[in-house]
C-alpha atoms as a PDB file:
ATOM      1  CA  MET A   1      68.616-122.680 217.113  1.00  0.00           C
ATOM      2  CA  PRO A   2      67.161-123.670 213.709  1.00  0.00           C
ATOM      3  CA  VAL A   3      67.573-121.344 210.761  1.00  0.00           C
ATOM      4  CA  THR A   4      64.927-120.329 208.240  1.00  0.00           C
ATOM      5  CA  HIS A   5      65.695-121.725 204.808  1.00  0.00           C
ATOM      6  CA  GLU A   6      66.200-119.125 202.084  1.00  0.00           C
ATOM      7  CA  GLN A   7      64.003-120.995 199.576  1.00  0.00           C
ATOM      8  CA  PHE A   8      61.295-122.427 201.834  1.00  0.00           C
ATOM      9  CA  SER A   9      59.924-119.833 204.254  1.00  0.00           C
ATOM     10  CA  ASN A  10      58.101-122.403 206.431  1.00  0.00           C
ATOM     11  CA  LEU A  11      61.173-124.610 206.869  1.00  0.00           C
ATOM     12  CA  ARG A  12      63.328-124.481 210.005  1.00  0.00           C
ATOM     13  CA  LEU A  13      66.614-126.299 209.476  1.00  0.00           C
ATOM     14  CA  PHE A  14      68.788-127.511 212.351  1.00  0.00           C
ATOM     15  CA  VAL A  15      72.531-127.034 211.900  1.00  0.00           C
ATOM     16  CA  HIS A  16      73.641-127.867 215.449  1.00  0.00           C
ATOM     17  CA  PRO A  17      76.775-130.070 215.460  1.00  0.00           C
ATOM     18  CA  LEU A  18      75.304-132.619 217.898  1.00  0.00           C
ATOM     19  CA  ILE A  19      72.295-133.126 215.659  1.00  0.00           C
ATOM     20  CA  GLN A  20      74.402-133.354 212.523  1.00  0.00           C
ATOM     21  CA  ASP A  21      76.787-135.864 214.124  1.00  0.00           C
ATOM     22  CA  LYS A  22      73.968-138.163 215.209  1.00  0.00           C
ATOM     23  CA  LEU A  23      72.205-137.828 211.865  1.00  0.00           C
ATOM     24  CA  ALA A  24      75.376-138.790 209.982  1.00  0.00           C
ATOM     25  CA  ARG A  25      75.740-141.888 212.146  1.00  0.00           C
ATOM     26  CA  ALA A  26      72.086-142.796 211.557  1.00  0.00           C
ATOM     27  CA  ARG A  27      72.543-142.569 207.779  1.00  0.00           C
ATOM     28  CA  SER A  28      75.330-145.171 207.754  1.00  0.00           C
ATOM     29  CA  THR A  29      74.518-148.659 206.483  1.00  0.00           C
ATOM     30  CA  GLU A  30      76.797-149.979 209.242  1.00  0.00           C
ATOM     31  CA  THR A  31      74.440-148.737 211.971  1.00  0.00           C
ATOM     32  CA  PRO A  32      72.362-151.639 213.395  1.00  0.00           C
ATOM     33  CA  PRO A  33      68.690-151.234 214.392  1.00  0.00           C
ATOM     34  CA  SER A  34      69.487-150.820 218.099  1.00  0.00           C
ATOM     35  CA  GLN A  35      71.788-147.859 217.443  1.00  0.00           C
ATOM     36  CA  PHE A  36      69.522-146.482 214.726  1.00  0.00           C
ATOM     37  CA  ARG A  37      66.619-146.353 217.219  1.00  0.00           C
ATOM     38  CA  ARG A  38      68.788-144.634 219.803  1.00  0.00           C
ATOM     39  CA  LEU A  39      70.094-142.046 217.355  1.00  0.00           C
ATOM     40  CA  LEU A  40      66.629-141.152 216.015  1.00  0.00           C
ATOM     41  CA  ASN A  41      65.326-140.644 219.545  1.00  0.00           C
ATOM     42  CA  GLU A  42      68.340-138.541 220.513  1.00  0.00           C
ATOM     43  CA  VAL A  43      67.987-136.274 217.471  1.00  0.00           C
ATOM     44  CA  ALA A  44      64.250-135.912 218.088  1.00  0.00           C
ATOM     45  CA  GLY A  45      64.897-134.905 221.695  1.00  0.00           C
ATOM     46  CA  LEU A  46      67.471-132.304 220.697  1.00  0.00           C
ATOM     47  CA  MET A  47      65.089-130.820 218.114  1.00  0.00           C
ATOM     48  CA  THR A  48      62.224-130.670 220.610  1.00  0.00           C
ATOM     49  CA  TYR A  49      64.008-128.085 222.734  1.00  0.00           C
ATOM     50  CA  GLU A  50      63.623-125.486 219.974  1.00  0.00           C
ATOM     51  CA  VAL A  51      60.325-126.737 218.559  1.00  0.00           C
ATOM     52  CA  CYS A  52      58.712-126.019 221.947  1.00  0.00           C
ATOM     53  CA  ARG A  53      60.323-122.621 222.507  1.00  0.00           C
ATOM     54  CA  ASP A  54      57.001-120.727 222.372  1.00  0.00           C
ATOM     55  CA  LEU A  55      54.776-123.044 224.398  1.00  0.00           C
ATOM     56  CA  ARG A  56      52.358-121.246 226.695  1.00  0.00           C
ATOM     57  CA  THR A  57      53.204-121.090 230.393  1.00  0.00           C
ATOM     58  CA  ARG A  58      51.548-119.870 233.568  1.00  0.00           C
ATOM     59  CA  GLU A  59      53.087-118.376 236.686  1.00  0.00           C
ATOM     60  CA  GLU A  60      52.711-120.427 239.829  1.00  0.00           C
ATOM     61  CA  THR A  61      54.073-120.199 243.344  1.00  0.00           C
ATOM     62  CA  VAL A  62      56.559-122.965 244.117  1.00  0.00           C
ATOM     63  CA  THR A  63      57.859-123.858 247.573  1.00  0.00           C
ATOM     64  CA  THR A  64      61.550-124.765 247.591  1.00  0.00           C
ATOM     65  CA  PRO A  65      63.397-126.244 250.604  1.00  0.00           C
ATOM     66  CA  ILE A  66      64.479-122.679 251.441  1.00  0.00           C
ATOM     67  CA  ALA A  67      61.637-120.327 250.470  1.00  0.00           C
ATOM     68  CA  THR A  68      58.758-119.725 248.087  1.00  0.00           C
ATOM     69  CA  THR A  69      59.275-118.348 244.603  1.00  0.00           C
ATOM     70  CA  GLU A  70      57.382-117.799 241.369  1.00  0.00           C
ATOM     71  CA  GLY A  71      57.950-120.337 238.609  1.00  0.00           C
ATOM     72  CA  GLN A  72      56.706-120.962 235.084  1.00  0.00           C
ATOM     73  CA  LEU A  73      54.774-124.159 234.299  1.00  0.00           C
ATOM     74  CA  LEU A  74      53.470-125.378 230.962  1.00  0.00           C
ATOM     75  CA  ASP A  75      49.878-124.284 230.568  1.00  0.00           C
ATOM     76  CA  GLU A  76      48.456-126.240 227.653  1.00  0.00           C
ATOM     77  CA  PRO A  77      48.078-129.861 226.644  1.00  0.00           C
ATOM     78  CA  ILE A  78      50.685-131.239 224.252  1.00  0.00           C
ATOM     79  CA  THR A  79      49.981-134.145 221.939  1.00  0.00           C
ATOM     80  CA  LEU A  80      52.551-136.125 219.984  1.00  0.00           C
ATOM     81  CA  VAL A  81      51.221-137.747 216.831  1.00  0.00           C
ATOM     82  CA  PRO A  82      53.678-140.152 215.200  1.00  0.00           C
ATOM     83  CA  ILE A  83      52.804-141.288 211.698  1.00  0.00           C
ATOM     84  CA  LEU A  84      52.899-145.085 211.891  1.00  0.00           C
ATOM     85  CA  ARG A  85      55.073-146.884 211.861  1.00  0.00           C
ATOM     86  CA  ALA A  86      58.374-145.010 211.527  1.00  0.00           C
ATOM     87  CA  GLY A  87      57.205-142.041 213.610  1.00  0.00           C
ATOM     88  CA  ILE A  88      57.259-144.275 216.681  1.00  0.00           C
ATOM     89  CA  GLY A  89      61.031-144.261 216.399  1.00  0.00           C
ATOM     90  CA  MET A  90      61.167-140.583 217.444  1.00  0.00           C
ATOM     91  CA  THR A  91      58.442-140.596 220.096  1.00  0.00           C
ATOM     92  CA  ASP A  92      60.434-141.728 223.134  1.00  0.00           C
ATOM     93  CA  GLY A  93      63.067-139.072 222.505  1.00  0.00           C
ATOM     94  CA  ILE A  94      60.432-136.357 222.647  1.00  0.00           C
ATOM     95  CA  LEU A  95      58.629-137.906 225.624  1.00  0.00           C
ATOM     96  CA  SER A  96      61.889-137.837 227.563  1.00  0.00           C
ATOM     97  CA  LEU A  97      61.550-134.023 227.537  1.00  0.00           C
ATOM     98  CA  LEU A  98      57.739-133.873 227.586  1.00  0.00           C
ATOM     99  CA  PRO A  99      56.662-136.815 229.773  1.00  0.00           C
ATOM    100  CA  GLU A 100      53.284-135.174 230.387  1.00  0.00           C
ATOM    101  CA  ALA A 101      52.428-135.200 226.668  1.00  0.00           C
ATOM    102  CA  ARG A 102      49.713-137.455 225.286  1.00  0.00           C
ATOM    103  CA  VAL A 103      50.346-139.653 222.240  1.00  0.00           C
ATOM    104  CA  GLY A 104      47.886-140.002 219.383  1.00  0.00           C
ATOM    105  CA  HIS A 105      48.541-142.112 216.303  1.00  0.00           C
ATOM    106  CA  ILE A 106      47.875-141.873 212.591  1.00  0.00           C
ATOM    107  CA  GLY A 107      48.419-144.960 210.463  1.00  0.00           C
ATOM    108  CA  LEU A 108      49.296-144.287 206.834  1.00  0.00           C
ATOM    109  CA  TYR A 109      51.109-146.321 204.230  1.00  0.00           C
ATOM    110  CA  ARG A 110      52.288-145.319 200.790  1.00  0.00           C
ATOM    111  CA  ASN A 111      50.770-146.963 197.742  1.00  0.00           C
ATOM    112  CA  GLU A 112      53.933-147.962 195.886  1.00  0.00           C
ATOM    113  CA  GLU A 113      52.267-147.485 192.485  1.00  0.00           C
ATOM    114  CA  THR A 114      50.624-144.091 192.979  1.00  0.00           C
ATOM    115  CA  LEU A 115      52.955-142.937 195.825  1.00  0.00           C
ATOM    116  CA  GLU A 116      49.812-141.566 197.531  1.00  0.00           C
ATOM    117  CA  PRO A 117      48.999-142.220 201.223  1.00  0.00           C
ATOM    118  CA  VAL A 118      46.330-144.659 202.380  1.00  0.00           C
ATOM    119  CA  GLU A 119      44.960-144.210 205.908  1.00  0.00           C
ATOM    120  CA  TYR A 120      44.259-147.323 207.954  1.00  0.00           C
ATOM    121  CA  TYR A 121      44.183-146.058 211.574  1.00  0.00           C
ATOM    122  CA  ALA A 122      43.651-142.884 213.615  1.00  0.00           C
ATOM    123  CA  LYS A 123      43.340-142.463 217.401  1.00  0.00           C
ATOM    124  CA  MET A 124      43.552-139.109 219.212  1.00  0.00           C
ATOM    125  CA  PRO A 125      42.858-137.651 222.656  1.00  0.00           C
ATOM    126  CA  PRO A 126      39.350-136.139 222.690  1.00  0.00           C
ATOM    127  CA  ASP A 127      40.744-132.665 223.422  1.00  0.00           C
ATOM    128  CA  VAL A 128      43.598-132.850 220.899  1.00  0.00           C
ATOM    129  CA  ALA A 129      42.574-129.481 219.437  1.00  0.00           C
ATOM    130  CA  ASP A 130      43.048-127.668 222.779  1.00  0.00           C
ATOM    131  CA  GLY A 131      46.839-127.437 222.567  1.00  0.00           C
ATOM    132  CA  VAL A 132      49.943-127.894 220.464  1.00  0.00           C
ATOM    133  CA  VAL A 133      50.273-130.986 218.268  1.00  0.00           C
ATOM    134  CA  LEU A 134      53.685-132.285 217.234  1.00  0.00           C
ATOM    135  CA  LEU A 135      53.308-134.405 214.097  1.00  0.00           C
ATOM    136  CA  ILE A 136      56.287-136.766 213.844  1.00  0.00           C
ATOM    137  CA  ASP A 137      57.783-138.674 210.915  1.00  0.00           C
ATOM    138  CA  PRO A 138      61.488-139.340 210.257  1.00  0.00           C
ATOM    139  CA  MET A 139      61.189-138.934 206.485  1.00  0.00           C
ATOM    140  CA  LEU A 140      59.431-136.257 204.438  1.00  0.00           C
ATOM    141  CA  ALA A 141      59.708-137.625 200.905  1.00  0.00           C
ATOM    142  CA  THR A 142      56.828-136.831 198.543  1.00  0.00           C
ATOM    143  CA  GLY A 143      54.960-135.154 201.398  1.00  0.00           C
ATOM    144  CA  GLY A 144      51.800-137.118 200.685  1.00  0.00           C
ATOM    145  CA  SER A 145      51.555-138.896 204.032  1.00  0.00           C
ATOM    146  CA  ALA A 146      52.384-135.798 206.064  1.00  0.00           C
ATOM    147  CA  SER A 147      49.902-133.705 204.103  1.00  0.00           C
ATOM    148  CA  ALA A 148      47.159-136.285 204.636  1.00  0.00           C
ATOM    149  CA  ALA A 149      47.949-136.463 208.358  1.00  0.00           C
ATOM    150  CA  LEU A 150      47.821-132.671 208.638  1.00  0.00           C
ATOM    151  CA  THR A 151      44.432-132.675 206.902  1.00  0.00           C
ATOM    152  CA  GLN A 152      43.103-135.217 209.393  1.00  0.00           C
ATOM    153  CA  LEU A 153      44.373-133.179 212.352  1.00  0.00           C
ATOM    154  CA  LYS A 154      42.792-130.014 211.004  1.00  0.00           C
ATOM    155  CA  LYS A 155      39.471-131.846 210.568  1.00  0.00           C
ATOM    156  CA  ARG A 156      39.648-132.492 214.313  1.00  0.00           C
ATOM    157  CA  GLY A 157      40.018-128.766 214.944  1.00  0.00           C
ATOM    158  CA  CYS A 158      43.780-128.665 215.502  1.00  0.00           C
ATOM    159  CA  SER A 159      45.271-125.282 214.605  1.00  0.00           C
ATOM    160  CA  ARG A 160      48.669-125.255 216.357  1.00  0.00           C
ATOM    161  CA  ILE A 161      50.589-128.023 214.600  1.00  0.00           C
ATOM    162  CA  ARG A 162      54.346-128.406 214.095  1.00  0.00           C
ATOM    163  CA  LEU A 163      55.769-131.016 211.732  1.00  0.00           C
ATOM    164  CA  ILE A 164      59.024-132.625 212.911  1.00  0.00           C
ATOM    165  CA  CYS A 165      61.122-134.714 210.501  1.00  0.00           C
ATOM    166  CA  LEU A 166      64.725-135.840 210.430  1.00  0.00           C
ATOM    167  CA  VAL A 167      65.319-135.827 206.686  1.00  0.00           C
ATOM    168  CA  ALA A 168      63.298-134.112 203.958  1.00  0.00           C
ATOM    169  CA  ALA A 169      63.366-133.818 200.182  1.00  0.00           C
ATOM    170  CA  PRO A 170      62.638-130.506 198.452  1.00  0.00           C
ATOM    171  CA  GLU A 171      59.613-132.108 196.810  1.00  0.00           C
ATOM    172  CA  GLY A 172      58.073-132.926 200.200  1.00  0.00           C
ATOM    173  CA  ILE A 173      58.751-129.474 201.604  1.00  0.00           C
ATOM    174  CA  ALA A 174      57.133-127.874 198.539  1.00  0.00           C
ATOM    175  CA  ARG A 175      54.098-130.167 198.873  1.00  0.00           C
ATOM    176  CA  ILE A 176      53.497-129.163 202.488  1.00  0.00           C
ATOM    177  CA  GLU A 177      53.955-125.459 201.713  1.00  0.00           C
ATOM    178  CA  GLN A 178      51.404-125.793 198.908  1.00  0.00           C
ATOM    179  CA  ASP A 179      48.836-127.899 200.786  1.00  0.00           C
ATOM    180  CA  HIS A 180      49.331-126.397 204.264  1.00  0.00           C
ATOM    181  CA  PRO A 181      50.987-122.974 204.060  1.00  0.00           C
ATOM    182  CA  ASP A 182      50.267-122.355 207.757  1.00  0.00           C
ATOM    183  CA  ILE A 183      52.449-125.238 208.971  1.00  0.00           C
ATOM    184  CA  THR A 184      56.026-124.795 210.178  1.00  0.00           C
ATOM    185  CA  MET A 185      58.343-127.719 209.388  1.00  0.00           C
ATOM    186  CA  PHE A 186      61.344-128.564 211.583  1.00  0.00           C
ATOM    187  CA  VAL A 187      63.943-130.673 209.798  1.00  0.00           C
ATOM    188  CA  ALA A 188      67.449-131.888 210.652  1.00  0.00           C
ATOM    189  CA  ALA A 189      68.523-132.134 206.991  1.00  0.00           C
ATOM    190  CA  LEU A 190      67.216-131.017 203.610  1.00  0.00           C
ATOM    191  CA  ASP A 191      68.491-133.623 201.167  1.00  0.00           C
ATOM    192  CA  GLU A 192      69.059-133.470 197.419  1.00  0.00           C
ATOM    193  CA  LYS A 193      65.978-134.984 195.750  1.00  0.00           C
ATOM    194  CA  LEU A 194      63.749-138.042 195.324  1.00  0.00           C
ATOM    195  CA  ASP A 195      64.698-140.991 193.127  1.00  0.00           C
ATOM    196  CA  GLU A 196      62.338-142.568 190.608  1.00  0.00           C
ATOM    197  CA  SER A 197      60.790-144.711 193.357  1.00  0.00           C
ATOM    198  CA  GLY A 198      60.094-141.755 195.639  1.00  0.00           C
ATOM    199  CA  TYR A 199      62.938-142.397 198.089  1.00  0.00           C
ATOM    200  CA  ILE A 200      65.055-139.544 199.435  1.00  0.00           C
ATOM    201  CA  ILE A 201      68.611-139.189 198.115  1.00  0.00           C
ATOM    202  CA  PRO A 202      70.888-139.636 200.083  1.00  0.00           C
ATOM    203  CA  GLY A 203      68.303-140.168 202.822  1.00  0.00           C
ATOM    204  CA  LEU A 204      68.283-142.863 205.494  1.00  0.00           C
ATOM    205  CA  GLY A 205      66.851-145.738 203.523  1.00  0.00           C
ATOM    206  CA  ASP A 206      63.527-147.111 204.755  1.00  0.00           C
ATOM    207  CA  ALA A 207      63.374-145.725 208.313  1.00  0.00           C
ATOM    208  CA  GLY A 208      60.683-148.184 209.413  1.00  0.00           C
ATOM    209  CA  ASP A 209      62.629-151.220 208.257  1.00  0.00           C
ATOM    210  CA  ARG A 210      65.822-149.915 209.840  1.00  0.00           C
ATOM    211  CA  LEU A 211      64.054-149.224 213.129  1.00  0.00           C
ATOM    212  CA  PHE A 212      62.431-152.604 213.446  1.00  0.00           C
ATOM    213  CA  GLY A 213      64.840-154.882 211.550  1.00  0.00           C
ATOM    214  CA  THR A 214      62.320-155.745 208.843  1.00  0.00           C
ATOM    215  CA  GLN A 215      62.448-155.759 205.055  1.00  0.00           C
END
């Protein structure tokens, strides 16, 4: 179960040994793209179990091979929204637990001079606001891209949004708490700081490049 961080009230930090083991392996420069993709999806799946703890359910009669019984089924649409492109690297891990979920996309890239996000694509289910939205991005660095994505989701009427990241910097957490104080952030690791180029220290490197073998 994630713990609430003593400094950031909206941050839920995962300390589970399976998550920490896989995250440590993902950080290593010796991990090739194929293993990096697998590890990110596995961590995302493990985090999803707790992120979805309070999803709404309905009671329904189920017929087993022996008798009938009352069971609990999910009772609201769930939409995954990876921030392109690195967020794709966590999507399959979450879909393995939530195969009925829809997948929207938000395309943002970071202007390397201003470090501010630039949107180039957005595609959502028409009823995205009717249920929970899981916004996905491996890295929460400056927080600019995540904040912009949250703004776009709220413009579409979304009110039940959870932000899921693997690694975050304190600067990014503070940015989200300032811009979107209603949003809960689920993170596998809170790292030390950002460097002068806006990269997380120690971080994972460029998650998108490591996922797809690009530079």
